[in-house]
Amino acid sequence: MTDALIDSLVATRKARQMTQAQLAEQAGLSRMAVQRTETGDVDPRYSTLAEMSRVLGMQLLAVPADLVPALQAFIQSGGKFLGQPAGADAPPSVVDSLAQTHSTKE
């Protein structure tokens, strides 16, 4: 399993201020399963990752390897590429959405 996927799940859980126990409960997993997945102690099943992702508002997506750099650039740019026409807009990035959701709860 790639460290990037696990790192993304952990970062999203923490950004949502969820504990491992809360994630586990909502995903129908044991806290130990979440902990061992996050620490890399196990090679998790797809279903475990899919449930953790679902609870965190994410979706697992298979992307052709040759498109990964372009997709990463698109995501890092907040959904905008250089040379995008003036006035063209894109949805807020996931990070911006989480930050906005968090700030409205306070």
C-alpha atoms as a PDB file:
ATOM      1  CA  MET A   1       0.000   0.000   0.000  1.00  0.00           C
ATOM      2  CA  THR A   2       1.350   3.419  -0.848  1.00  0.00           C
ATOM      3  CA  ASP A   3       2.316   5.653   2.013  1.00  0.00           C
ATOM      4  CA  ALA A   4       0.735   8.612   0.199  1.00  0.00           C
ATOM      5  CA  LEU A   5      -2.749   7.091   0.433  1.00  0.00           C
ATOM      6  CA  ILE A   6      -2.417   6.335   4.138  1.00  0.00           C
ATOM      7  CA  ASP A   7      -0.866   9.763   4.777  1.00  0.00           C
ATOM      8  CA  SER A   8      -3.816  11.375   2.999  1.00  0.00           C
ATOM      9  CA  LEU A   9      -6.330   9.446   5.105  1.00  0.00           C
ATOM     10  CA  VAL A  10      -4.520  10.374   8.331  1.00  0.00           C
ATOM     11  CA  ALA A  11      -4.231  14.046   7.339  1.00  0.00           C
ATOM     12  CA  THR A  12      -7.920  14.209   6.445  1.00  0.00           C
ATOM     13  CA  ARG A  13      -8.956  12.514   9.700  1.00  0.00           C
ATOM     14  CA  LYS A  14      -6.885  14.998  11.690  1.00  0.00           C
ATOM     15  CA  ALA A  15      -8.169  17.972   9.657  1.00  0.00           C
ATOM     16  CA  ARG A  16     -11.697  16.865  10.555  1.00  0.00           C
ATOM     17  CA  GLN A  17     -10.572  16.601  14.171  1.00  0.00           C
ATOM     18  CA  MET A  18     -11.642  12.969  14.393  1.00  0.00           C
ATOM     19  CA  THR A  19     -10.034  10.426  16.655  1.00  0.00           C
ATOM     20  CA  GLN A  20      -9.114   6.983  15.437  1.00  0.00           C
ATOM     21  CA  ALA A  21     -11.902   5.635  17.634  1.00  0.00           C
ATOM     22  CA  GLN A  22     -14.490   7.939  16.034  1.00  0.00           C
ATOM     23  CA  LEU A  23     -13.369   6.978  12.540  1.00  0.00           C
ATOM     24  CA  ALA A  24     -13.435   3.308  13.458  1.00  0.00           C
ATOM     25  CA  GLU A  25     -16.950   3.506  14.901  1.00  0.00           C
ATOM     26  CA  GLN A  26     -18.383   5.340  11.890  1.00  0.00           C
ATOM     27  CA  ALA A  27     -16.630   2.983   9.454  1.00  0.00           C
ATOM     28  CA  GLY A  28     -17.673  -0.165  11.303  1.00  0.00           C
ATOM     29  CA  LEU A  29     -14.058  -1.068  12.092  1.00  0.00           C
ATOM     30  CA  SER A  30     -12.150  -1.670  15.278  1.00  0.00           C
ATOM     31  CA  ARG A  31      -9.977   1.148  16.592  1.00  0.00           C
ATOM     32  CA  MET A  32      -7.046  -1.264  16.349  1.00  0.00           C
ATOM     33  CA  ALA A  33      -7.731  -1.782  12.623  1.00  0.00           C
ATOM     34  CA  VAL A  34      -7.618   1.973  12.044  1.00  0.00           C
ATOM     35  CA  GLN A  35      -4.503   2.375  14.176  1.00  0.00           C
ATOM     36  CA  ARG A  36      -2.633  -0.482  12.483  1.00  0.00           C
ATOM     37  CA  THR A  37      -3.637   0.798   9.040  1.00  0.00           C
ATOM     38  CA  GLU A  38      -2.420   4.304   9.832  1.00  0.00           C
ATOM     39  CA  THR A  39       0.885   3.109  11.274  1.00  0.00           C
ATOM     40  CA  GLY A  40       1.540   0.699   8.398  1.00  0.00           C
ATOM     41  CA  ASP A  41       1.561  -2.351  10.654  1.00  0.00           C
ATOM     42  CA  VAL A  42      -0.846  -4.147   8.298  1.00  0.00           C
ATOM     43  CA  ASP A  43      -1.535  -4.285   4.596  1.00  0.00           C
ATOM     44  CA  PRO A  44      -5.208  -3.267   4.769  1.00  0.00           C
ATOM     45  CA  ARG A  45      -7.986  -4.710   2.664  1.00  0.00           C
ATOM     46  CA  TYR A  46      -9.523  -2.539  -0.012  1.00  0.00           C
ATOM     47  CA  SER A  47     -12.806  -2.610   1.903  1.00  0.00           C
ATOM     48  CA  THR A  48     -11.086  -1.160   4.998  1.00  0.00           C
ATOM     49  CA  LEU A  49      -9.596   1.704   3.005  1.00  0.00           C
ATOM     50  CA  ALA A  50     -12.881   2.279   1.170  1.00  0.00           C
ATOM     51  CA  GLU A  51     -14.855   2.550   4.429  1.00  0.00           C
ATOM     52  CA  MET A  52     -12.291   4.852   6.029  1.00  0.00           C
ATOM     53  CA  SER A  53     -12.369   7.000   2.882  1.00  0.00           C
ATOM     54  CA  ARG A  54     -16.177   7.077   2.792  1.00  0.00           C
ATOM     55  CA  VAL A  55     -16.410   8.292   6.387  1.00  0.00           C
ATOM     56  CA  LEU A  56     -13.823  10.988   5.642  1.00  0.00           C
ATOM     57  CA  GLY A  57     -15.765  12.197   2.597  1.00  0.00           C
ATOM     58  CA  MET A  58     -13.209  10.800   0.179  1.00  0.00           C
ATOM     59  CA  GLN A  59     -13.356   8.237  -2.583  1.00  0.00           C
ATOM     60  CA  LEU A  60     -10.685   5.826  -3.745  1.00  0.00           C
ATOM     61  CA  LEU A  61      -9.964   6.307  -7.415  1.00  0.00           C
ATOM     62  CA  ALA A  62      -7.778   4.313  -9.783  1.00  0.00           C
ATOM     63  CA  VAL A  63      -5.934   6.635 -12.131  1.00  0.00           C
ATOM     64  CA  PRO A  64      -3.763   5.581 -15.075  1.00  0.00           C
ATOM     65  CA  ALA A  65      -0.135   6.028 -14.012  1.00  0.00           C
ATOM     66  CA  ASP A  66       0.709   8.334 -16.901  1.00  0.00           C
ATOM     67  CA  LEU A  67      -2.046  10.762 -15.830  1.00  0.00           C
ATOM     68  CA  VAL A  68      -0.977  10.985 -12.172  1.00  0.00           C
ATOM     69  CA  PRO A  69       1.415  13.959 -12.599  1.00  0.00           C
ATOM     70  CA  ALA A  70      -1.215  16.008 -14.462  1.00  0.00           C
ATOM     71  CA  LEU A  71      -3.903  15.124 -11.921  1.00  0.00           C
ATOM     72  CA  GLN A  72      -1.617  16.037  -9.012  1.00  0.00           C
ATOM     73  CA  ALA A  73      -0.771  19.377 -10.661  1.00  0.00           C
ATOM     74  CA  PHE A  74      -4.469  20.071 -11.181  1.00  0.00           C
ATOM     75  CA  ILE A  75      -5.289  19.295  -7.547  1.00  0.00           C
ATOM     76  CA  GLN A  76      -2.339  21.293  -6.178  1.00  0.00           C
ATOM     77  CA  SER A  77      -3.366  24.286  -8.281  1.00  0.00           C
ATOM     78  CA  GLY A  78      -6.772  24.282  -6.611  1.00  0.00           C
ATOM     79  CA  GLY A  79      -8.405  23.044  -9.780  1.00  0.00           C
ATOM     80  CA  LYS A  80      -6.932  25.682 -12.050  1.00  0.00           C
ATOM     81  CA  PHE A  81      -4.210  25.393 -14.639  1.00  0.00           C
ATOM     82  CA  LEU A  82      -1.991  28.204 -15.808  1.00  0.00           C
ATOM     83  CA  GLY A  83      -3.505  29.785 -18.866  1.00  0.00           C
ATOM     84  CA  GLN A  84      -7.051  29.084 -17.748  1.00  0.00           C
ATOM     85  CA  PRO A  85      -9.324  31.727 -19.307  1.00  0.00           C
ATOM     86  CA  ALA A  86     -10.188  34.741 -17.164  1.00  0.00           C
ATOM     87  CA  GLY A  87     -13.438  34.269 -15.331  1.00  0.00           C
ATOM     88  CA  ALA A  88     -13.180  30.492 -15.428  1.00  0.00           C
ATOM     89  CA  ASP A  89     -13.555  29.150 -11.944  1.00  0.00           C
ATOM     90  CA  ALA A  90     -13.145  25.813 -10.289  1.00  0.00           C
ATOM     91  CA  PRO A  91     -14.556  24.347  -7.101  1.00  0.00           C
ATOM     92  CA  PRO A  92     -12.547  25.026  -3.944  1.00  0.00           C
ATOM     93  CA  SER A  93      -9.811  22.567  -3.130  1.00  0.00           C
ATOM     94  CA  VAL A  94     -10.449  19.845  -0.565  1.00  0.00           C
ATOM     95  CA  VAL A  95      -8.156  21.641   1.879  1.00  0.00           C
ATOM     96  CA  ASP A  96     -10.068  24.908   1.412  1.00  0.00           C
ATOM     97  CA  SER A  97     -13.384  23.086   1.873  1.00  0.00           C
ATOM     98  CA  LEU A  98     -12.203  21.433   5.087  1.00  0.00           C
ATOM     99  CA  ALA A  99     -10.826  24.709   6.431  1.00  0.00           C
ATOM    100  CA  GLN A 100     -14.072  26.512   5.645  1.00  0.00           C
ATOM    101  CA  THR A 101     -16.188  23.756   7.224  1.00  0.00           C
ATOM    102  CA  HIS A 102     -14.004  23.819  10.322  1.00  0.00           C
ATOM    103  CA  SER A 103     -14.145  27.617  10.652  1.00  0.00           C
ATOM    104  CA  THR A 104     -17.956  27.674  10.427  1.00  0.00           C
ATOM    105  CA  LYS A 105     -18.223  25.150  13.279  1.00  0.00           C
ATOM    106  CA  GLU A 106     -16.314  27.405  15.665  1.00  0.00           C
END
